[in-house]
C-alpha atoms as a PDB file:
ATOM      1  CA  GLY A   1       0.099   0.054   0.123  1.00  0.00           C
ATOM      2  CA  LYS A   2       0.902   3.559  -0.300  1.00  0.00           C
ATOM      3  CA  THR A   3       2.164   5.664   2.707  1.00  0.00           C
ATOM      4  CA  GLN A   4       0.870   9.291   2.844  1.00  0.00           C
ATOM      5  CA  LYS A   5       2.711  11.810   5.249  1.00  0.00           C
ATOM      6  CA  ILE A   6       0.627  14.391   6.990  1.00  0.00           C
ATOM      7  CA  ALA A   7       2.642  17.232   8.608  1.00  0.00           C
ATOM      8  CA  VAL A   8       1.068  18.278  11.883  1.00  0.00           C
ATOM      9  CA  TYR A   9       2.779  21.134  13.593  1.00  0.00           C
ATOM     10  CA  GLY A  10       2.513  21.583  17.211  1.00  0.00           C
ATOM     11  CA  SER A  11       2.291  25.194  18.869  1.00  0.00           C
ATOM     12  CA  ASP A  12       6.093  24.897  19.634  1.00  0.00           C
ATOM     13  CA  ASP A  13       7.072  24.638  15.962  1.00  0.00           C
ATOM     14  CA  VAL A  14       5.107  27.859  14.596  1.00  0.00           C
ATOM     15  CA  THR A  15       4.814  31.373  14.894  1.00  0.00           C
ATOM     16  CA  THR A  16       1.488  33.121  14.512  1.00  0.00           C
ATOM     17  CA  VAL A  17       2.077  36.546  12.917  1.00  0.00           C
ATOM     18  CA  THR A  18      -0.492  39.266  13.165  1.00  0.00           C
ATOM     19  CA  ALA A  19       0.204  41.772  10.669  1.00  0.00           C
ATOM     20  CA  THR A  20      -1.616  45.442  11.306  1.00  0.00           C
ATOM     21  CA  ILE A  21      -1.768  47.234   8.041  1.00  0.00           C
ATOM     22  CA  LYS A  22      -2.629  51.133   8.159  1.00  0.00           C
ATOM     23  CA  GLY A  23      -2.123  54.110   6.162  1.00  0.00           C
ATOM     24  CA  THR A  24       0.137  56.620   6.922  1.00  0.00           C
ATOM     25  CA  GLU A  25      -2.236  59.675   6.250  1.00  0.00           C
ATOM     26  CA  SER A  26      -3.976  61.622   8.991  1.00  0.00           C
ATOM     27  CA  GLY A  27      -5.846  59.346  11.446  1.00  0.00           C
ATOM     28  CA  THR A  28      -3.787  56.363  10.193  1.00  0.00           C
ATOM     29  CA  PRO A  29      -6.876  54.406   8.687  1.00  0.00           C
ATOM     30  CA  ALA A  30      -6.921  50.568   8.959  1.00  0.00           C
ATOM     31  CA  ILE A  31      -6.580  49.143   5.545  1.00  0.00           C
ATOM     32  CA  THR A  32      -9.091  46.214   5.349  1.00  0.00           C
ATOM     33  CA  ASN A  33      -8.637  45.429   1.562  1.00  0.00           C
ATOM     34  CA  ALA A  34      -4.899  44.467   1.286  1.00  0.00           C
ATOM     35  CA  LEU A  35      -3.563  41.580  -0.458  1.00  0.00           C
ATOM     36  CA  LEU A  36      -0.589  39.958   1.021  1.00  0.00           C
ATOM     37  CA  THR A  37       1.727  37.868  -1.131  1.00  0.00           C
ATOM     38  CA  ILE A  38       3.928  36.008   1.297  1.00  0.00           C
ATOM     39  CA  THR A  39       6.806  33.613   0.491  1.00  0.00           C
ATOM     40  CA  SER A  40       8.751  31.573   2.878  1.00  0.00           C
ATOM     41  CA  ASP A  41      11.409  28.843   1.906  1.00  0.00           C
ATOM     42  CA  GLY A  42      10.270  29.790  -1.747  1.00  0.00           C
ATOM     43  CA  LYS A  43       6.616  28.791  -1.174  1.00  0.00           C
ATOM     44  CA  PRO A  44       3.584  30.672  -0.803  1.00  0.00           C
ATOM     45  CA  VAL A  45       1.953  31.148   2.601  1.00  0.00           C
ATOM     46  CA  GLY A  46      -1.877  31.663   2.960  1.00  0.00           C
ATOM     47  CA  PHE A  47      -3.307  34.347   5.100  1.00  0.00           C
ATOM     48  CA  THR A  48      -6.455  35.315   6.804  1.00  0.00           C
ATOM     49  CA  ASN A  49      -7.978  38.849   6.141  1.00  0.00           C
ATOM     50  CA  ASN A  50      -9.679  39.505   9.869  1.00  0.00           C
ATOM     51  CA  ALA A  51     -11.503  42.654   7.856  1.00  0.00           C
ATOM     52  CA  ASP A  52     -10.471  44.997  10.790  1.00  0.00           C
ATOM     53  CA  GLY A  53      -6.940  45.991   9.230  1.00  0.00           C
ATOM     54  CA  THR A  54      -5.365  42.927  10.763  1.00  0.00           C
ATOM     55  CA  TYR A  55      -4.160  39.934   8.776  1.00  0.00           C
ATOM     56  CA  THR A  56      -2.992  36.547  10.386  1.00  0.00           C
ATOM     57  CA  TYR A  57      -0.491  33.862   8.895  1.00  0.00           C
ATOM     58  CA  ILE A  58       1.598  31.032  10.340  1.00  0.00           C
ATOM     59  CA  LEU A  59       5.225  30.552   9.673  1.00  0.00           C
ATOM     60  CA  GLY A  60       7.592  27.890  10.891  1.00  0.00           C
ATOM     61  CA  ARG A  61       9.358  28.807  14.015  1.00  0.00           C
ATOM     62  CA  GLY A  62      12.536  30.477  13.193  1.00  0.00           C
ATOM     63  CA  LYS A  63      11.644  30.900   9.568  1.00  0.00           C
ATOM     64  CA  THR A  64      12.004  33.817   7.287  1.00  0.00           C
ATOM     65  CA  ALA A  65       9.313  35.505   4.851  1.00  0.00           C
ATOM     66  CA  THR A  66       8.948  38.228   2.379  1.00  0.00           C
ATOM     67  CA  VAL A  67       5.668  39.991   2.739  1.00  0.00           C
ATOM     68  CA  LYS A  68       4.477  42.019  -0.587  1.00  0.00           C
ATOM     69  CA  VAL A  69       1.407  44.222   0.501  1.00  0.00           C
ATOM     70  CA  THR A  70      -0.722  45.873  -2.319  1.00  0.00           C
ATOM     71  CA  ALA A  71      -3.967  47.925  -1.563  1.00  0.00           C
ATOM     72  CA  SER A  72      -5.850  49.791  -3.887  1.00  0.00           C
ATOM     73  CA  GLY A  73      -4.727  53.764  -3.591  1.00  0.00           C
ATOM     74  CA  TYR A  74      -1.422  52.785  -1.710  1.00  0.00           C
ATOM     75  CA  THR A  75       2.009  52.151  -2.838  1.00  0.00           C
ATOM     76  CA  THR A  76       3.118  48.510  -2.643  1.00  0.00           C
ATOM     77  CA  GLN A  77       5.354  47.768  -0.125  1.00  0.00           C
ATOM     78  CA  THR A  78       7.479  44.629   0.518  1.00  0.00           C
ATOM     79  CA  VAL A  79       8.660  43.967   4.036  1.00  0.00           C
ATOM     80  CA  ASN A  80      10.757  41.041   5.524  1.00  0.00           C
ATOM     81  CA  VAL A  81       9.943  38.853   8.563  1.00  0.00           C
ATOM     82  CA  THR A  82      13.385  37.709   9.874  1.00  0.00           C
ATOM     83  CA  ALA A  83      14.209  34.682  12.120  1.00  0.00           C
ATOM     84  CA  THR A  84      14.484  36.738  15.184  1.00  0.00           C
ATOM     85  CA  ASN A  85      10.941  37.739  14.497  1.00  0.00           C
ATOM     86  CA  THR A  86       9.498  34.105  14.404  1.00  0.00           C
ATOM     87  CA  ALA A  87      11.662  32.896  17.456  1.00  0.00           C
ATOM     88  CA  SER A  88       8.585  32.774  19.567  1.00  0.00           C
ATOM     89  CA  ALA A  89       4.872  31.726  19.372  1.00  0.00           C
ATOM     90  CA  THR A  90       3.464  35.144  18.273  1.00  0.00           C
ATOM     91  CA  TYR A  91       4.770  38.145  16.227  1.00  0.00           C
ATOM     92  CA  ALA A  92       2.913  41.472  15.822  1.00  0.00           C
ATOM     93  CA  GLN A  93       3.988  43.105  12.480  1.00  0.00           C
ATOM     94  CA  ALA A  94       3.303  46.642  11.783  1.00  0.00           C
ATOM     95  CA  ILE A  95       3.018  47.867   8.207  1.00  0.00           C
ATOM     96  CA  ASN A  96       2.402  51.282   7.279  1.00  0.00           C
ATOM     97  CA  MET A  97       1.231  52.091   3.718  1.00  0.00           C
ATOM     98  CA  VAL A  98       1.807  55.386   1.665  1.00  0.00           C
ATOM     99  CA  LYS A  99      -1.031  56.882  -0.043  1.00  0.00           C
ATOM    100  CA  LYS A 100      -0.411  57.221  -3.860  1.00  0.00           C
ATOM    101  CA  SER A 101      -0.592  60.955  -4.649  1.00  0.00           C
END
């Protein structure tokens, strides 16, 4: 028979990242319609839009990632997540987007 491996991650093996995405203009409004393109180890990482300007995604503990953020009316921004950022169970990431003129 065939054997299928299923990866199960314990909480000690992952970091839950919560990205708060806001505009830099007056009042720093939450951006609720951003698209995140997250890559870690050359593979895409899914995310959840919490509809309040926060976005959640899971990375392996100690892993790095690149996060490209696009939102209508704002300049695209790319930020890096470092191994230091993912050294613990949670990481709060703040991403500030500049409104296009």
